[in-house]
Amino acid sequence: MQKKEPFIINRLKSVGYACKGMLILIKTEASIQIQLFIAILITIAGFYYEISTTEWMFQITMIGLVMSIEGLNTAVEHIANFIHPEFHTKIGLIKDVAAGAVFIASIIAVVVAGIIYIPKIL
């Protein structure tokens, strides 16, 4: 019987794998790179316009939500391509639905940004 790793060691390894996945996303996925660039710009805007703590919470939540769902979308695409490398209508539907989830989160993020920044700009 194989000896089980201590809980802390297991958690540290899990965090390491998660960091590796995040770096792979940032290095290889153009959509995440664009979203990271936008996140940096909107963070700079937050400091410039001195947004409130509540506004920061909404802004950070939306950045995390969009980028997280984009990561899941990328994982779905990779799994779909692995399972069925050739074009297939069902695989196309799966990819479209995953991309649609990113689109919904992105639209809501733009609405939240508008609520925060339009009054400050005007």
PDB file of N, CA and C in Angstrom:
ATOM      1  N   MET A   1       0.842  -1.179   0.000  1.00  0.00           N
ATOM      2  CA  MET A   1       0.000   0.000   0.000  1.00  0.00           C
ATOM      3  C   MET A   1       0.890   1.247   0.000  1.00  0.00           C
ATOM      4  N   GLN A   2       0.515   2.214  -0.825  1.00  0.00           N
ATOM      5  CA  GLN A   2       1.295   3.443  -0.967  1.00  0.00           C
ATOM      6  C   GLN A   2       1.004   4.395   0.196  1.00  0.00           C
ATOM      7  N   LYS A   3       2.077   4.986   0.744  1.00  0.00           N
ATOM      8  CA  LYS A   3       1.922   5.926   1.858  1.00  0.00           C
ATOM      9  C   LYS A   3       1.326   7.233   1.333  1.00  0.00           C
ATOM     10  N   LYS A   4       0.317   7.724   2.049  1.00  0.00           N
ATOM     11  CA  LYS A   4      -0.345   8.967   1.664  1.00  0.00           C
ATOM     12  C   LYS A   4       0.501  10.162   2.077  1.00  0.00           C
ATOM     13  N   GLU A   5       0.569  11.153   1.166  1.00  0.00           N
ATOM     14  CA  GLU A   5       1.331  12.370   1.478  1.00  0.00           C
ATOM     15  C   GLU A   5       0.627  13.176   2.564  1.00  0.00           C
ATOM     16  N   PRO A   6       1.396  13.911   3.365  1.00  0.00           N
ATOM     17  CA  PRO A   6       0.763  14.804   4.349  1.00  0.00           C
ATOM     18  C   PRO A   6      -0.108  15.855   3.638  1.00  0.00           C
ATOM     19  N   PHE A   7      -1.152  16.275   4.316  1.00  0.00           N
ATOM     20  CA  PHE A   7      -2.121  17.217   3.749  1.00  0.00           C
ATOM     21  C   PHE A   7      -1.444  18.478   3.216  1.00  0.00           C
ATOM     22  N   ILE A   8      -0.545  19.075   3.995  1.00  0.00           N
ATOM     23  CA  ILE A   8       0.109  20.325   3.602  1.00  0.00           C
ATOM     24  C   ILE A   8       0.928  20.126   2.326  1.00  0.00           C
ATOM     25  N   ILE A   9       1.661  19.038   2.235  1.00  0.00           N
ATOM     26  CA  ILE A   9       2.463  18.751   1.038  1.00  0.00           C
ATOM     27  C   ILE A   9       1.545  18.610  -0.172  1.00  0.00           C
ATOM     28  N   ASN A  10       0.458  17.895   0.014  1.00  0.00           N
ATOM     29  CA  ASN A  10      -0.508  17.702  -1.069  1.00  0.00           C
ATOM     30  C   ASN A  10      -1.091  19.028  -1.530  1.00  0.00           C
ATOM     31  N   ARG A  11      -1.435  19.894  -0.602  1.00  0.00           N
ATOM     32  CA  ARG A  11      -2.000  21.218  -0.945  1.00  0.00           C
ATOM     33  C   ARG A  11      -0.969  22.075  -1.657  1.00  0.00           C
ATOM     34  N   LEU A  12       0.269  22.052  -1.191  1.00  0.00           N
ATOM     35  CA  LEU A  12       1.327  22.834  -1.828  1.00  0.00           C
ATOM     36  C   LEU A  12       1.551  22.371  -3.269  1.00  0.00           C
ATOM     37  N   LYS A  13       1.510  21.075  -3.500  1.00  0.00           N
ATOM     38  CA  LYS A  13       1.630  20.554  -4.865  1.00  0.00           C
ATOM     39  C   LYS A  13       0.465  21.039  -5.721  1.00  0.00           C
ATOM     40  N   SER A  14      -0.741  21.022  -5.153  1.00  0.00           N
ATOM     41  CA  SER A  14      -1.919  21.487  -5.891  1.00  0.00           C
ATOM     42  C   SER A  14      -1.791  22.952  -6.288  1.00  0.00           C
ATOM     43  N   VAL A  15      -1.297  23.766  -5.372  1.00  0.00           N
ATOM     44  CA  VAL A  15      -1.076  25.178  -5.674  1.00  0.00           C
ATOM     45  C   VAL A  15      -0.028  25.320  -6.771  1.00  0.00           C
ATOM     46  N   GLY A  16       0.995  24.507  -6.722  1.00  0.00           N
ATOM     47  CA  GLY A  16       2.027  24.525  -7.763  1.00  0.00           C
ATOM     48  C   GLY A  16       1.450  24.192  -9.135  1.00  0.00           C
ATOM     49  N   TYR A  17       0.598  23.167  -9.191  1.00  0.00           N
ATOM     50  CA  TYR A  17      -0.040  22.808 -10.460  1.00  0.00           C
ATOM     51  C   TYR A  17      -0.935  23.933 -10.964  1.00  0.00           C
ATOM     52  N   ALA A  18      -1.648  24.571 -10.047  1.00  0.00           N
ATOM     53  CA  ALA A  18      -2.531  25.677 -10.427  1.00  0.00           C
ATOM     54  C   ALA A  18      -1.726  26.859 -10.972  1.00  0.00           C
ATOM     55  N   CYS A  19      -0.614  27.169 -10.332  1.00  0.00           N
ATOM     56  CA  CYS A  19       0.250  28.255 -10.818  1.00  0.00           C
ATOM     57  C   CYS A  19       0.810  27.913 -12.198  1.00  0.00           C
ATOM     58  N   LYS A  20       1.209  26.659 -12.380  1.00  0.00           N
ATOM     59  CA  LYS A  20       1.706  26.211 -13.680  1.00  0.00           C
ATOM     60  C   LYS A  20       0.631  26.410 -14.747  1.00  0.00           C
ATOM     61  N   GLY A  21      -0.616  26.027 -14.437  1.00  0.00           N
ATOM     62  CA  GLY A  21      -1.711  26.198 -15.385  1.00  0.00           C
ATOM     63  C   GLY A  21      -1.968  27.657 -15.711  1.00  0.00           C
ATOM     64  N   MET A  22      -1.908  28.513 -14.705  1.00  0.00           N
ATOM     65  CA  MET A  22      -2.111  29.938 -14.922  1.00  0.00           C
ATOM     66  C   MET A  22      -1.031  30.501 -15.838  1.00  0.00           C
ATOM     67  N   LEU A  23       0.220  30.118 -15.589  1.00  0.00           N
ATOM     68  CA  LEU A  23       1.316  30.603 -16.432  1.00  0.00           C
ATOM     69  C   LEU A  23       1.202  30.091 -17.869  1.00  0.00           C
ATOM     70  N   ILE A  24       0.785  28.847 -18.030  1.00  0.00           N
ATOM     71  CA  ILE A  24       0.564  28.307 -19.378  1.00  0.00           C
ATOM     72  C   ILE A  24      -0.503  29.124 -20.095  1.00  0.00           C
ATOM     73  N   LEU A  25      -1.596  29.422 -19.400  1.00  0.00           N
ATOM     74  CA  LEU A  25      -2.658  30.247 -19.995  1.00  0.00           C
ATOM     75  C   LEU A  25      -2.120  31.597 -20.447  1.00  0.00           C
ATOM     76  N   ILE A  26      -1.399  32.261 -19.564  1.00  0.00           N
ATOM     77  CA  ILE A  26      -0.897  33.607 -19.863  1.00  0.00           C
ATOM     78  C   ILE A  26       0.115  33.579 -21.010  1.00  0.00           C
ATOM     79  N   LYS A  27       0.955  32.552 -21.046  1.00  0.00           N
ATOM     80  CA  LYS A  27       1.994  32.476 -22.082  1.00  0.00           C
ATOM     81  C   LYS A  27       1.450  32.056 -23.445  1.00  0.00           C
ATOM     82  N   THR A  28       0.385  31.240 -23.468  1.00  0.00           N
ATOM     83  CA  THR A  28      -0.015  30.611 -24.732  1.00  0.00           C
ATOM     84  C   THR A  28      -1.347  31.080 -25.301  1.00  0.00           C
ATOM     85  N   GLU A  29      -2.187  31.725 -24.514  1.00  0.00           N
ATOM     86  CA  GLU A  29      -3.536  32.061 -24.987  1.00  0.00           C
ATOM     87  C   GLU A  29      -3.684  33.560 -25.224  1.00  0.00           C
ATOM     88  N   ALA A  30      -3.884  33.920 -26.481  1.00  0.00           N
ATOM     89  CA  ALA A  30      -4.017  35.335 -26.853  1.00  0.00           C
ATOM     90  C   ALA A  30      -5.190  35.999 -26.133  1.00  0.00           C
ATOM     91  N   SER A  31      -6.293  35.278 -25.972  1.00  0.00           N
ATOM     92  CA  SER A  31      -7.464  35.879 -25.323  1.00  0.00           C
ATOM     93  C   SER A  31      -7.168  36.246 -23.870  1.00  0.00           C
ATOM     94  N   ILE A  32      -6.458  35.393 -23.163  1.00  0.00           N
ATOM     95  CA  ILE A  32      -6.079  35.700 -21.772  1.00  0.00           C
ATOM     96  C   ILE A  32      -5.097  36.862 -21.746  1.00  0.00           C
ATOM     97  N   GLN A  33      -4.184  36.920 -22.701  1.00  0.00           N
ATOM     98  CA  GLN A  33      -3.220  38.022 -22.758  1.00  0.00           C
ATOM     99  C   GLN A  33      -3.951  39.353 -22.952  1.00  0.00           C
ATOM    100  N   ILE A  34      -4.947  39.372 -23.822  1.00  0.00           N
ATOM    101  CA  ILE A  34      -5.743  40.591 -24.037  1.00  0.00           C
ATOM    102  C   ILE A  34      -6.502  40.950 -22.762  1.00  0.00           C
ATOM    103  N   GLN A  35      -7.112  39.954 -22.136  1.00  0.00           N
ATOM    104  CA  GLN A  35      -7.868  40.213 -20.905  1.00  0.00           C
ATOM    105  C   GLN A  35      -6.956  40.681 -19.777  1.00  0.00           C
ATOM    106  N   LEU A  36      -5.759  40.133 -19.698  1.00  0.00           N
ATOM    107  CA  LEU A  36      -4.800  40.586 -18.683  1.00  0.00           C
ATOM    108  C   LEU A  36      -4.395  42.036 -18.929  1.00  0.00           C
ATOM    109  N   PHE A  37      -4.171  42.391 -20.186  1.00  0.00           N
ATOM    110  CA  PHE A  37      -3.841  43.767 -20.549  1.00  0.00           C
ATOM    111  C   PHE A  37      -4.980  44.714 -20.149  1.00  0.00           C
ATOM    112  N   ILE A  38      -6.219  44.326 -20.453  1.00  0.00           N
ATOM    113  CA  ILE A  38      -7.385  45.137 -20.073  1.00  0.00           C
ATOM    114  C   ILE A  38      -7.483  45.229 -18.550  1.00  0.00           C
ATOM    115  N   ALA A  39      -7.231  44.128 -17.860  1.00  0.00           N
ATOM    116  CA  ALA A  39      -7.279  44.125 -16.393  1.00  0.00           C
ATOM    117  C   ALA A  39      -6.259  45.098 -15.807  1.00  0.00           C
ATOM    118  N   ILE A  40      -5.069  45.127 -16.399  1.00  0.00           N
ATOM    119  CA  ILE A  40      -4.033  46.062 -15.926  1.00  0.00           C
ATOM    120  C   ILE A  40      -4.471  47.503 -16.175  1.00  0.00           C
ATOM    121  N   LEU A  41      -5.015  47.768 -17.369  1.00  0.00           N
ATOM    122  CA  LEU A  41      -5.493  49.129 -17.676  1.00  0.00           C
ATOM    123  C   LEU A  41      -6.597  49.564 -16.725  1.00  0.00           C
ATOM    124  N   ILE A  42      -7.551  48.695 -16.487  1.00  0.00           N
ATOM    125  CA  ILE A  42      -8.687  49.055 -15.634  1.00  0.00           C
ATOM    126  C   ILE A  42      -8.235  49.192 -14.175  1.00  0.00           C
ATOM    127  N   THR A  43      -7.198  48.451 -13.785  1.00  0.00           N
ATOM    128  CA  THR A  43      -6.641  48.609 -12.438  1.00  0.00           C
ATOM    129  C   THR A  43      -5.950  49.959 -12.301  1.00  0.00           C
ATOM    130  N   ILE A  44      -5.219  50.350 -13.326  1.00  0.00           N
ATOM    131  CA  ILE A  44      -4.594  51.677 -13.329  1.00  0.00           C
ATOM    132  C   ILE A  44      -5.681  52.757 -13.252  1.00  0.00           C
ATOM    133  N   ALA A  45      -6.761  52.562 -14.013  1.00  0.00           N
ATOM    134  CA  ALA A  45      -7.881  53.518 -13.966  1.00  0.00           C
ATOM    135  C   ALA A  45      -8.471  53.585 -12.564  1.00  0.00           C
ATOM    136  N   GLY A  46      -8.551  52.443 -11.888  1.00  0.00           N
ATOM    137  CA  GLY A  46      -9.080  52.416 -10.520  1.00  0.00           C
ATOM    138  C   GLY A  46      -8.261  53.279  -9.580  1.00  0.00           C
ATOM    139  N   PHE A  47      -6.944  53.216  -9.711  1.00  0.00           N
ATOM    140  CA  PHE A  47      -6.077  54.075  -8.881  1.00  0.00           C
ATOM    141  C   PHE A  47      -6.214  55.539  -9.289  1.00  0.00           C
ATOM    142  N   TYR A  48      -6.269  55.784 -10.590  1.00  0.00           N
ATOM    143  CA  TYR A  48      -6.366  57.157 -11.087  1.00  0.00           C
ATOM    144  C   TYR A  48      -7.651  57.829 -10.611  1.00  0.00           C
ATOM    145  N   TYR A  49      -8.764  57.115 -10.719  1.00  0.00           N
ATOM    146  CA  TYR A  49     -10.059  57.689 -10.338  1.00  0.00           C
ATOM    147  C   TYR A  49     -10.397  57.468  -8.863  1.00  0.00           C
ATOM    148  N   GLU A  50      -9.487  56.855  -8.129  1.00  0.00           N
ATOM    149  CA  GLU A  50      -9.662  56.620  -6.691  1.00  0.00           C
ATOM    150  C   GLU A  50     -11.022  55.995  -6.390  1.00  0.00           C
ATOM    151  N   ILE A  51     -11.272  54.840  -7.005  1.00  0.00           N
ATOM    152  CA  ILE A  51     -12.560  54.179  -6.796  1.00  0.00           C
ATOM    153  C   ILE A  51     -12.659  53.677  -5.355  1.00  0.00           C
ATOM    154  N   SER A  52     -13.883  53.494  -4.912  1.00  0.00           N
ATOM    155  CA  SER A  52     -14.136  53.098  -3.520  1.00  0.00           C
ATOM    156  C   SER A  52     -13.790  51.623  -3.299  1.00  0.00           C
ATOM    157  N   THR A  53     -13.756  51.238  -2.036  1.00  0.00           N
ATOM    158  CA  THR A  53     -13.494  49.845  -1.684  1.00  0.00           C
ATOM    159  C   THR A  53     -14.530  48.922  -2.317  1.00  0.00           C
ATOM    160  N   THR A  54     -15.774  49.319  -2.285  1.00  0.00           N
ATOM    161  CA  THR A  54     -16.845  48.514  -2.892  1.00  0.00           C
ATOM    162  C   THR A  54     -16.640  48.395  -4.395  1.00  0.00           C
ATOM    163  N   GLU A  55     -16.277  49.497  -5.038  1.00  0.00           N
ATOM    164  CA  GLU A  55     -16.014  49.459  -6.480  1.00  0.00           C
ATOM    165  C   GLU A  55     -14.825  48.555  -6.800  1.00  0.00           C
ATOM    166  N   TRP A  56     -13.794  48.604  -5.949  1.00  0.00           N
ATOM    167  CA  TRP A  56     -12.656  47.702  -6.124  1.00  0.00           C
ATOM    168  C   TRP A  56     -13.113  46.245  -6.040  1.00  0.00           C
ATOM    169  N   MET A  57     -13.966  45.945  -5.079  1.00  0.00           N
ATOM    170  CA  MET A  57     -14.439  44.567  -4.921  1.00  0.00           C
ATOM    171  C   MET A  57     -15.167  44.094  -6.182  1.00  0.00           C
ATOM    172  N   PHE A  58     -16.037  44.936  -6.715  1.00  0.00           N
ATOM    173  CA  PHE A  58     -16.747  44.560  -7.942  1.00  0.00           C
ATOM    174  C   PHE A  58     -15.775  44.425  -9.110  1.00  0.00           C
ATOM    175  N   GLN A  59     -14.858  45.355  -9.223  1.00  0.00           N
ATOM    176  CA  GLN A  59     -13.904  45.324 -10.337  1.00  0.00           C
ATOM    177  C   GLN A  59     -13.031  44.077 -10.277  1.00  0.00           C
ATOM    178  N   ILE A  60     -12.469  43.779  -9.131  1.00  0.00           N
ATOM    179  CA  ILE A  60     -11.609  42.606  -8.982  1.00  0.00           C
ATOM    180  C   ILE A  60     -12.405  41.318  -9.216  1.00  0.00           C
ATOM    181  N   THR A  61     -13.622  41.292  -8.720  1.00  0.00           N
ATOM    182  CA  THR A  61     -14.474  40.116  -8.934  1.00  0.00           C
ATOM    183  C   THR A  61     -14.731  39.887 -10.417  1.00  0.00           C
ATOM    184  N   MET A  62     -15.022  40.950 -11.151  1.00  0.00           N
ATOM    185  CA  MET A  62     -15.300  40.801 -12.576  1.00  0.00           C
ATOM    186  C   MET A  62     -14.042  40.389 -13.346  1.00  0.00           C
ATOM    187  N   ILE A  63     -12.902  40.950 -12.986  1.00  0.00           N
ATOM    188  CA  ILE A  63     -11.646  40.548 -13.641  1.00  0.00           C
ATOM    189  C   ILE A  63     -11.409  39.057 -13.400  1.00  0.00           C
ATOM    190  N   GLY A  64     -11.535  38.635 -12.158  1.00  0.00           N
ATOM    191  CA  GLY A  64     -11.341  37.218 -11.826  1.00  0.00           C
ATOM    192  C   GLY A  64     -12.342  36.315 -12.514  1.00  0.00           C
ATOM    193  N   LEU A  65     -13.596  36.754 -12.574  1.00  0.00           N
ATOM    194  CA  LEU A  65     -14.643  35.951 -13.208  1.00  0.00           C
ATOM    195  C   LEU A  65     -14.364  35.754 -14.694  1.00  0.00           C
ATOM    196  N   VAL A  66     -14.098  36.840 -15.400  1.00  0.00           N
ATOM    197  CA  VAL A  66     -13.863  36.750 -16.844  1.00  0.00           C
ATOM    198  C   VAL A  66     -12.635  35.889 -17.135  1.00  0.00           C
ATOM    199  N   MET A  67     -11.557  36.123 -16.413  1.00  0.00           N
ATOM    200  CA  MET A  67     -10.329  35.368 -16.694  1.00  0.00           C
ATOM    201  C   MET A  67     -10.475  33.896 -16.293  1.00  0.00           C
ATOM    202  N   SER A  68     -11.195  33.620 -15.223  1.00  0.00           N
ATOM    203  CA  SER A  68     -11.422  32.233 -14.813  1.00  0.00           C
ATOM    204  C   SER A  68     -12.264  31.481 -15.836  1.00  0.00           C
ATOM    205  N   ILE A  69     -13.338  32.114 -16.277  1.00  0.00           N
ATOM    206  CA  ILE A  69     -14.191  31.454 -17.270  1.00  0.00           C
ATOM    207  C   ILE A  69     -13.437  31.286 -18.585  1.00  0.00           C
ATOM    208  N   GLU A  70     -12.591  32.237 -18.937  1.00  0.00           N
ATOM    209  CA  GLU A  70     -11.761  32.076 -20.137  1.00  0.00           C
ATOM    210  C   GLU A  70     -10.835  30.875 -19.990  1.00  0.00           C
ATOM    211  N   GLY A  71     -10.287  30.674 -18.800  1.00  0.00           N
ATOM    212  CA  GLY A  71      -9.454  29.496 -18.557  1.00  0.00           C
ATOM    213  C   GLY A  71     -10.244  28.208 -18.723  1.00  0.00           C
ATOM    214  N   LEU A  72     -11.459  28.178 -18.192  1.00  0.00           N
ATOM    215  CA  LEU A  72     -12.311  26.999 -18.367  1.00  0.00           C
ATOM    216  C   LEU A  72     -12.667  26.791 -19.832  1.00  0.00           C
ATOM    217  N   ASN A  73     -12.939  27.881 -20.547  1.00  0.00           N
ATOM    218  CA  ASN A  73     -13.231  27.798 -21.975  1.00  0.00           C
ATOM    219  C   ASN A  73     -12.049  27.179 -22.723  1.00  0.00           C
ATOM    220  N   THR A  74     -10.849  27.606 -22.382  1.00  0.00           N
ATOM    221  CA  THR A  74      -9.651  27.057 -23.013  1.00  0.00           C
ATOM    222  C   THR A  74      -9.529  25.567 -22.715  1.00  0.00           C
ATOM    223  N   ALA A  75      -9.796  25.172 -21.468  1.00  0.00           N
ATOM    224  CA  ALA A  75      -9.731  23.757 -21.108  1.00  0.00           C
ATOM    225  C   ALA A  75     -10.765  22.947 -21.894  1.00  0.00           C
ATOM    226  N   VAL A  76     -11.979  23.469 -22.023  1.00  0.00           N
ATOM    227  CA  VAL A  76     -13.022  22.789 -22.801  1.00  0.00           C
ATOM    228  C   VAL A  76     -12.574  22.619 -24.248  1.00  0.00           C
ATOM    229  N   GLU A  77     -11.996  23.667 -24.829  1.00  0.00           N
ATOM    230  CA  GLU A  77     -11.523  23.582 -26.217  1.00  0.00           C
ATOM    231  C   GLU A  77     -10.445  22.512 -26.372  1.00  0.00           C
ATOM    232  N   HIS A  78      -9.497  22.468 -25.433  1.00  0.00           N
ATOM    233  CA  HIS A  78      -8.429  21.473 -25.505  1.00  0.00           C
ATOM    234  C   HIS A  78      -8.981  20.052 -25.361  1.00  0.00           C
ATOM    235  N   ILE A  79      -9.909  19.872 -24.436  1.00  0.00           N
ATOM    236  CA  ILE A  79     -10.519  18.550 -24.258  1.00  0.00           C
ATOM    237  C   ILE A  79     -11.283  18.153 -25.517  1.00  0.00           C
ATOM    238  N   ALA A  80     -12.069  19.082 -26.046  1.00  0.00           N
ATOM    239  CA  ALA A  80     -12.859  18.794 -27.251  1.00  0.00           C
ATOM    240  C   ALA A  80     -11.952  18.439 -28.430  1.00  0.00           C
ATOM    241  N   ASN A  81     -10.872  19.189 -28.606  1.00  0.00           N
ATOM    242  CA  ASN A  81      -9.937  18.906 -29.702  1.00  0.00           C
ATOM    243  C   ASN A  81      -9.224  17.566 -29.506  1.00  0.00           C
ATOM    244  N   PHE A  82      -8.964  17.199 -28.262  1.00  0.00           N
ATOM    245  CA  PHE A  82      -8.316  15.925 -27.971  1.00  0.00           C
ATOM    246  C   PHE A  82      -9.255  14.760 -28.271  1.00  0.00           C
ATOM    247  N   ILE A  83     -10.510  14.921 -27.861  1.00  0.00           N
ATOM    248  CA  ILE A  83     -11.493  13.853 -28.053  1.00  0.00           C
ATOM    249  C   ILE A  83     -11.851  13.679 -29.524  1.00  0.00           C
ATOM    250  N   HIS A  84     -12.004  14.806 -30.210  1.00  0.00           N
ATOM    251  CA  HIS A  84     -12.449  14.738 -31.605  1.00  0.00           C
ATOM    252  C   HIS A  84     -11.707  15.799 -32.417  1.00  0.00           C
ATOM    253  N   PRO A  85     -10.485  15.501 -32.891  1.00  0.00           N
ATOM    254  CA  PRO A  85      -9.661  16.505 -33.589  1.00  0.00           C
ATOM    255  C   PRO A  85     -10.285  17.049 -34.878  1.00  0.00           C
ATOM    256  N   GLU A  86     -11.071  16.234 -35.563  1.00  0.00           N
ATOM    257  CA  GLU A  86     -11.713  16.705 -36.799  1.00  0.00           C
ATOM    258  C   GLU A  86     -12.953  17.520 -36.440  1.00  0.00           C
ATOM    259  N   PHE A  87     -13.407  18.306 -37.424  1.00  0.00           N
ATOM    260  CA  PHE A  87     -14.617  19.099 -37.194  1.00  0.00           C
ATOM    261  C   PHE A  87     -15.803  18.178 -36.948  1.00  0.00           C
ATOM    262  N   HIS A  88     -16.587  18.538 -35.953  1.00  0.00           N
ATOM    263  CA  HIS A  88     -17.822  17.818 -35.656  1.00  0.00           C
ATOM    264  C   HIS A  88     -18.821  18.829 -35.110  1.00  0.00           C
ATOM    265  N   THR A  89     -20.062  18.759 -35.580  1.00  0.00           N
ATOM    266  CA  THR A  89     -21.056  19.767 -35.179  1.00  0.00           C
ATOM    267  C   THR A  89     -21.296  19.781 -33.673  1.00  0.00           C
ATOM    268  N   LYS A  90     -21.308  18.628 -33.026  1.00  0.00           N
ATOM    269  CA  LYS A  90     -21.532  18.586 -31.568  1.00  0.00           C
ATOM    270  C   LYS A  90     -20.351  19.220 -30.814  1.00  0.00           C
ATOM    271  N   ILE A  91     -19.120  18.950 -31.279  1.00  0.00           N
ATOM    272  CA  ILE A  91     -17.940  19.569 -30.664  1.00  0.00           C
ATOM    273  C   ILE A  91     -17.988  21.078 -30.877  1.00  0.00           C
ATOM    274  N   GLY A  92     -18.390  21.501 -32.079  1.00  0.00           N
ATOM    275  CA  GLY A  92     -18.541  22.930 -32.365  1.00  0.00           C
ATOM    276  C   GLY A  92     -19.552  23.576 -31.434  1.00  0.00           C
ATOM    277  N   LEU A  93     -20.655  22.889 -31.174  1.00  0.00           N
ATOM    278  CA  LEU A  93     -21.683  23.400 -30.256  1.00  0.00           C
ATOM    279  C   LEU A  93     -21.115  23.553 -28.847  1.00  0.00           C
ATOM    280  N   ILE A  94     -20.380  22.546 -28.391  1.00  0.00           N
ATOM    281  CA  ILE A  94     -19.777  22.596 -27.056  1.00  0.00           C
ATOM    282  C   ILE A  94     -18.832  23.792 -26.939  1.00  0.00           C
ATOM    283  N   LYS A  95     -17.993  23.982 -27.958  1.00  0.00           N
ATOM    284  CA  LYS A  95     -17.052  25.108 -27.946  1.00  0.00           C
ATOM    285  C   LYS A  95     -17.787  26.444 -27.978  1.00  0.00           C
ATOM    286  N   ASP A  96     -18.855  26.522 -28.777  1.00  0.00           N
ATOM    287  CA  ASP A  96     -19.630  27.767 -28.860  1.00  0.00           C
ATOM    288  C   ASP A  96     -20.283  28.112 -27.521  1.00  0.00           C
ATOM    289  N   VAL A  97     -20.812  27.104 -26.837  1.00  0.00           N
ATOM    290  CA  VAL A  97     -21.448  27.344 -25.539  1.00  0.00           C
ATOM    291  C   VAL A  97     -20.411  27.828 -24.523  1.00  0.00           C
ATOM    292  N   ALA A  98     -19.235  27.208 -24.511  1.00  0.00           N
ATOM    293  CA  ALA A  98     -18.173  27.636 -23.593  1.00  0.00           C
ATOM    294  C   ALA A  98     -17.736  29.069 -23.907  1.00  0.00           C
ATOM    295  N   ALA A  99     -17.598  29.392 -25.187  1.00  0.00           N
ATOM    296  CA  ALA A  99     -17.233  30.762 -25.579  1.00  0.00           C
ATOM    297  C   ALA A  99     -18.349  31.738 -25.207  1.00  0.00           C
ATOM    298  N   GLY A 100     -19.587  31.280 -25.323  1.00  0.00           N
ATOM    299  CA  GLY A 100     -20.725  32.125 -24.938  1.00  0.00           C
ATOM    300  C   GLY A 100     -20.699  32.492 -23.467  1.00  0.00           C
ATOM    301  N   ALA A 101     -20.245  31.565 -22.625  1.00  0.00           N
ATOM    302  CA  ALA A 101     -20.136  31.853 -21.191  1.00  0.00           C
ATOM    303  C   ALA A 101     -19.126  32.967 -20.941  1.00  0.00           C
ATOM    304  N   VAL A 102     -18.016  32.942 -21.664  1.00  0.00           N
ATOM    305  CA  VAL A 102     -17.012  34.002 -21.544  1.00  0.00           C
ATOM    306  C   VAL A 102     -17.614  35.321 -22.012  1.00  0.00           C
ATOM    307  N   PHE A 103     -18.362  35.277 -23.098  1.00  0.00           N
ATOM    308  CA  PHE A 103     -18.979  36.484 -23.657  1.00  0.00           C
ATOM    309  C   PHE A 103     -19.961  37.112 -22.668  1.00  0.00           C
ATOM    310  N   ILE A 104     -20.768  36.292 -22.027  1.00  0.00           N
ATOM    311  CA  ILE A 104     -21.727  36.800 -21.026  1.00  0.00           C
ATOM    312  C   ILE A 104     -20.976  37.493 -19.890  1.00  0.00           C
ATOM    313  N   ALA A 105     -19.954  36.831 -19.354  1.00  0.00           N
ATOM    314  CA  ALA A 105     -19.175  37.426 -18.261  1.00  0.00           C
ATOM    315  C   ALA A 105     -18.510  38.719 -18.707  1.00  0.00           C
ATOM    316  N   SER A 106     -18.034  38.751 -19.950  1.00  0.00           N
ATOM    317  CA  SER A 106     -17.367  39.957 -20.469  1.00  0.00           C
ATOM    318  C   SER A 106     -18.344  41.115 -20.606  1.00  0.00           C
ATOM    319  N   ILE A 107     -19.547  40.834 -21.081  1.00  0.00           N
ATOM    320  CA  ILE A 107     -20.564  41.885 -21.202  1.00  0.00           C
ATOM    321  C   ILE A 107     -20.893  42.455 -19.824  1.00  0.00           C
ATOM    322  N   ILE A 108     -21.081  41.578 -18.849  1.00  0.00           N
ATOM    323  CA  ILE A 108     -21.393  42.044 -17.488  1.00  0.00           C
ATOM    324  C   ILE A 108     -20.225  42.853 -16.931  1.00  0.00           C
ATOM    325  N   ALA A 109     -18.988  42.439 -17.214  1.00  0.00           N
ATOM    326  CA  ALA A 109     -17.808  43.182 -16.750  1.00  0.00           C
ATOM    327  C   ALA A 109     -17.780  44.584 -17.354  1.00  0.00           C
ATOM    328  N   VAL A 110     -18.133  44.698 -18.620  1.00  0.00           N
ATOM    329  CA  VAL A 110     -18.180  46.019 -19.265  1.00  0.00           C
ATOM    330  C   VAL A 110     -19.278  46.878 -18.634  1.00  0.00           C
ATOM    331  N   VAL A 111     -20.421  46.283 -18.328  1.00  0.00           N
ATOM    332  CA  VAL A 111     -21.508  47.025 -17.672  1.00  0.00           C
ATOM    333  C   VAL A 111     -21.043  47.517 -16.299  1.00  0.00           C
ATOM    334  N   VAL A 112     -20.408  46.638 -15.535  1.00  0.00           N
ATOM    335  CA  VAL A 112     -19.901  47.034 -14.204  1.00  0.00           C
ATOM    336  C   VAL A 112     -18.884  48.162 -14.346  1.00  0.00           C
ATOM    337  N   ALA A 113     -17.963  48.034 -15.303  1.00  0.00           N
ATOM    338  CA  ALA A 113     -16.973  49.096 -15.527  1.00  0.00           C
ATOM    339  C   ALA A 113     -17.663  50.404 -15.892  1.00  0.00           C
ATOM    340  N   GLY A 114     -18.703  50.331 -16.707  1.00  0.00           N
ATOM    341  CA  GLY A 114     -19.459  51.539 -17.066  1.00  0.00           C
ATOM    342  C   GLY A 114     -20.106  52.186 -15.855  1.00  0.00           C
ATOM    343  N   ILE A 115     -20.694  51.370 -14.997  1.00  0.00           N
ATOM    344  CA  ILE A 115     -21.334  51.889 -13.773  1.00  0.00           C
ATOM    345  C   ILE A 115     -20.298  52.570 -12.881  1.00  0.00           C
ATOM    346  N   ILE A 116     -19.108  51.996 -12.811  1.00  0.00           N
ATOM    347  CA  ILE A 116     -18.061  52.572 -11.957  1.00  0.00           C
ATOM    348  C   ILE A 116     -17.458  53.829 -12.582  1.00  0.00           C
ATOM    349  N   TYR A 117     -17.114  53.784 -13.876  1.00  0.00           N
ATOM    350  CA  TYR A 117     -16.274  54.822 -14.463  1.00  0.00           C
ATOM    351  C   TYR A 117     -17.013  55.932 -15.201  1.00  0.00           C
ATOM    352  N   ILE A 118     -18.152  55.676 -15.798  1.00  0.00           N
ATOM    353  CA  ILE A 118     -18.829  56.733 -16.557  1.00  0.00           C
ATOM    354  C   ILE A 118     -19.130  57.944 -15.681  1.00  0.00           C
ATOM    355  N   PRO A 119     -19.679  57.769 -14.474  1.00  0.00           N
ATOM    356  CA  PRO A 119     -19.909  58.967 -13.637  1.00  0.00           C
ATOM    357  C   PRO A 119     -18.623  59.719 -13.278  1.00  0.00           C
ATOM    358  N   LYS A 120     -17.532  58.992 -13.121  1.00  0.00           N
ATOM    359  CA  LYS A 120     -16.262  59.629 -12.753  1.00  0.00           C
ATOM    360  C   LYS A 120     -15.668  60.389 -13.932  1.00  0.00           C
ATOM    361  N   ILE A 121     -15.838  59.845 -15.131  1.00  0.00           N
ATOM    362  CA  ILE A 121     -15.317  60.489 -16.343  1.00  0.00           C
ATOM    363  C   ILE A 121     -16.139  61.721 -16.689  1.00  0.00           C
ATOM    364  N   LEU A 122     -17.460  61.597 -16.508  1.00  0.00           N
ATOM    365  CA  LEU A 122     -18.339  62.737 -16.827  1.00  0.00           C
ATOM    366  C   LEU A 122     -18.332  63.718 -15.684  1.00  0.00           C
TER     367      LEU A 122
END
